[in-house]
Protein backbone atom coordinates (compact mmCIF):
# COMPACT_ATOMS: atom_id res chain seq x y z
CA MET A 1 109.40 92.40 105.44
CA SER A 2 106.68 95.03 105.71
CA LEU A 3 102.93 94.47 105.83
CA GLU A 4 102.58 95.70 102.24
CA GLU A 5 105.40 93.44 101.00
CA THR A 6 103.80 90.46 102.73
CA ARG A 7 100.43 91.35 101.23
CA GLY A 8 101.91 91.69 97.74
CA LYS A 9 103.69 88.34 97.92
CA LEU A 10 100.57 86.56 99.16
CA LEU A 11 98.42 88.15 96.45
CA ASN A 12 100.92 87.16 93.77
CA GLU A 13 100.78 83.52 94.86
CA SER A 14 97.03 83.42 95.52
CA LYS A 15 96.26 82.06 92.04
CA SER A 16 97.74 78.68 92.99
CA VAL A 17 96.80 77.05 96.29
CA GLU A 18 100.02 75.00 96.27
CA ASN A 19 102.18 78.09 95.80
CA LEU A 20 100.20 80.03 98.39
CA LEU A 21 100.54 77.25 100.98
CA THR A 22 104.28 77.04 100.37
CA LEU A 23 104.62 80.81 100.70
CA ILE A 24 102.61 80.86 103.94
CA HIS A 25 104.95 78.19 105.30
CA ASP A 26 108.06 80.11 104.19
CA LEU A 27 106.79 83.41 105.63
CA TYR A 28 105.91 81.68 108.91
CA ILE A 29 109.47 80.35 109.18
CA GLN A 30 110.86 83.83 108.41
CA GLU A 31 108.70 85.37 111.14
CA ILE A 32 110.08 82.93 113.70
CA HIS A 33 113.50 84.51 113.15
CA SER A 34 112.23 88.09 112.99
CA GLU A 35 110.52 90.65 115.18
CA GLU A 36 108.07 91.49 112.39
CA THR A 37 104.86 89.48 112.52
CA PHE A 38 102.51 90.45 109.71
CA LEU A 39 101.43 87.07 108.36
CA THR A 40 98.25 86.39 110.35
CA GLU A 41 97.14 90.02 110.07
CA THR A 42 97.76 90.04 106.33
CA LEU A 43 95.98 86.73 105.77
CA SER A 44 92.94 87.92 107.70
CA ASP A 45 92.94 91.26 105.82
CA LEU A 46 93.09 89.46 102.46
CA HIS A 47 90.29 87.11 103.52
CA ASN A 48 88.11 89.94 104.82
CA ALA A 49 88.66 91.92 101.59
CA GLY A 50 87.61 88.90 99.52
CA ASP A 51 91.02 88.50 97.87
CA ILE A 52 91.49 84.97 99.26
CA ASP A 53 89.21 82.47 100.97
CA LEU A 54 91.27 81.37 103.95
CA LEU A 55 88.73 78.76 105.02
CA LYS A 56 88.69 77.14 101.57
CA ILE A 57 92.48 77.10 101.53
CA VAL A 58 92.53 75.27 104.86
CA LEU A 59 90.06 72.72 103.51
CA ASP A 60 92.56 71.99 100.71
CA VAL A 61 95.32 71.16 103.20
CA ASN A 62 95.72 67.52 104.12
CA ARG A 63 98.38 65.57 105.95
CA THR A 64 99.23 63.36 103.01
CA SER A 65 99.94 65.86 100.27
CA HIS A 66 101.18 68.64 102.57
CA GLU A 67 102.98 66.56 105.18
CA ARG A 68 106.00 68.86 105.40
CA ILE A 69 103.99 72.06 105.96
CA PHE A 70 100.73 70.75 107.45
CA PHE A 71 101.18 71.94 111.03
CA THR A 72 102.77 75.23 110.02
CA ILE A 73 99.75 76.08 107.89
CA LEU A 74 97.28 75.09 110.60
CA HIS A 75 99.15 77.09 113.23
CA THR A 76 99.22 80.17 110.99
CA VAL A 77 95.53 79.94 110.17
CA GLU A 78 94.71 79.36 113.84
CA GLY A 79 96.28 82.75 114.57
CA ALA A 80 94.26 84.43 111.83
CA LEU A 81 90.87 82.91 112.73
CA PRO A 82 89.93 85.44 115.43
CA LEU A 83 90.55 88.25 112.93
CA ILE A 84 88.51 86.99 109.98
CA ASP A 85 84.93 87.82 109.13
CA ALA A 86 83.25 84.45 108.76
CA ARG A 87 80.19 82.67 109.98
CA VAL A 88 80.80 80.41 112.97
CA GLU A 89 79.32 77.50 111.01
CA ASP A 90 81.88 77.97 108.22
CA VAL A 91 84.78 78.06 110.67
CA VAL A 92 83.55 74.96 112.51
CA HIS A 93 83.10 73.10 109.21
CA CYS A 94 86.63 74.07 108.22
CA LEU A 95 88.11 72.91 111.52
CA ASN A 96 86.23 69.60 111.49
CA ASN A 97 87.81 68.63 108.19
């Protein structure tokens, strides 16, 4: 899947946090079996453009309601963190929760 296809899919699902989290998980699994790795770059681009708030999305993730995809989401966001434009305080707050 290309960068633009990944971006389009993520934007389409960005209206619903649940759908977006599920898609991030699914795309992460697809990337494991592929040489194309656009997910972290695309997530950071969407965050930096103001299309999604990656830090807010991470705050919505919890082990209880997202048990099946919890670590996949955290690992994906961890890869995107160095690429996003955010205040250090906001990132630390996000990671502490």
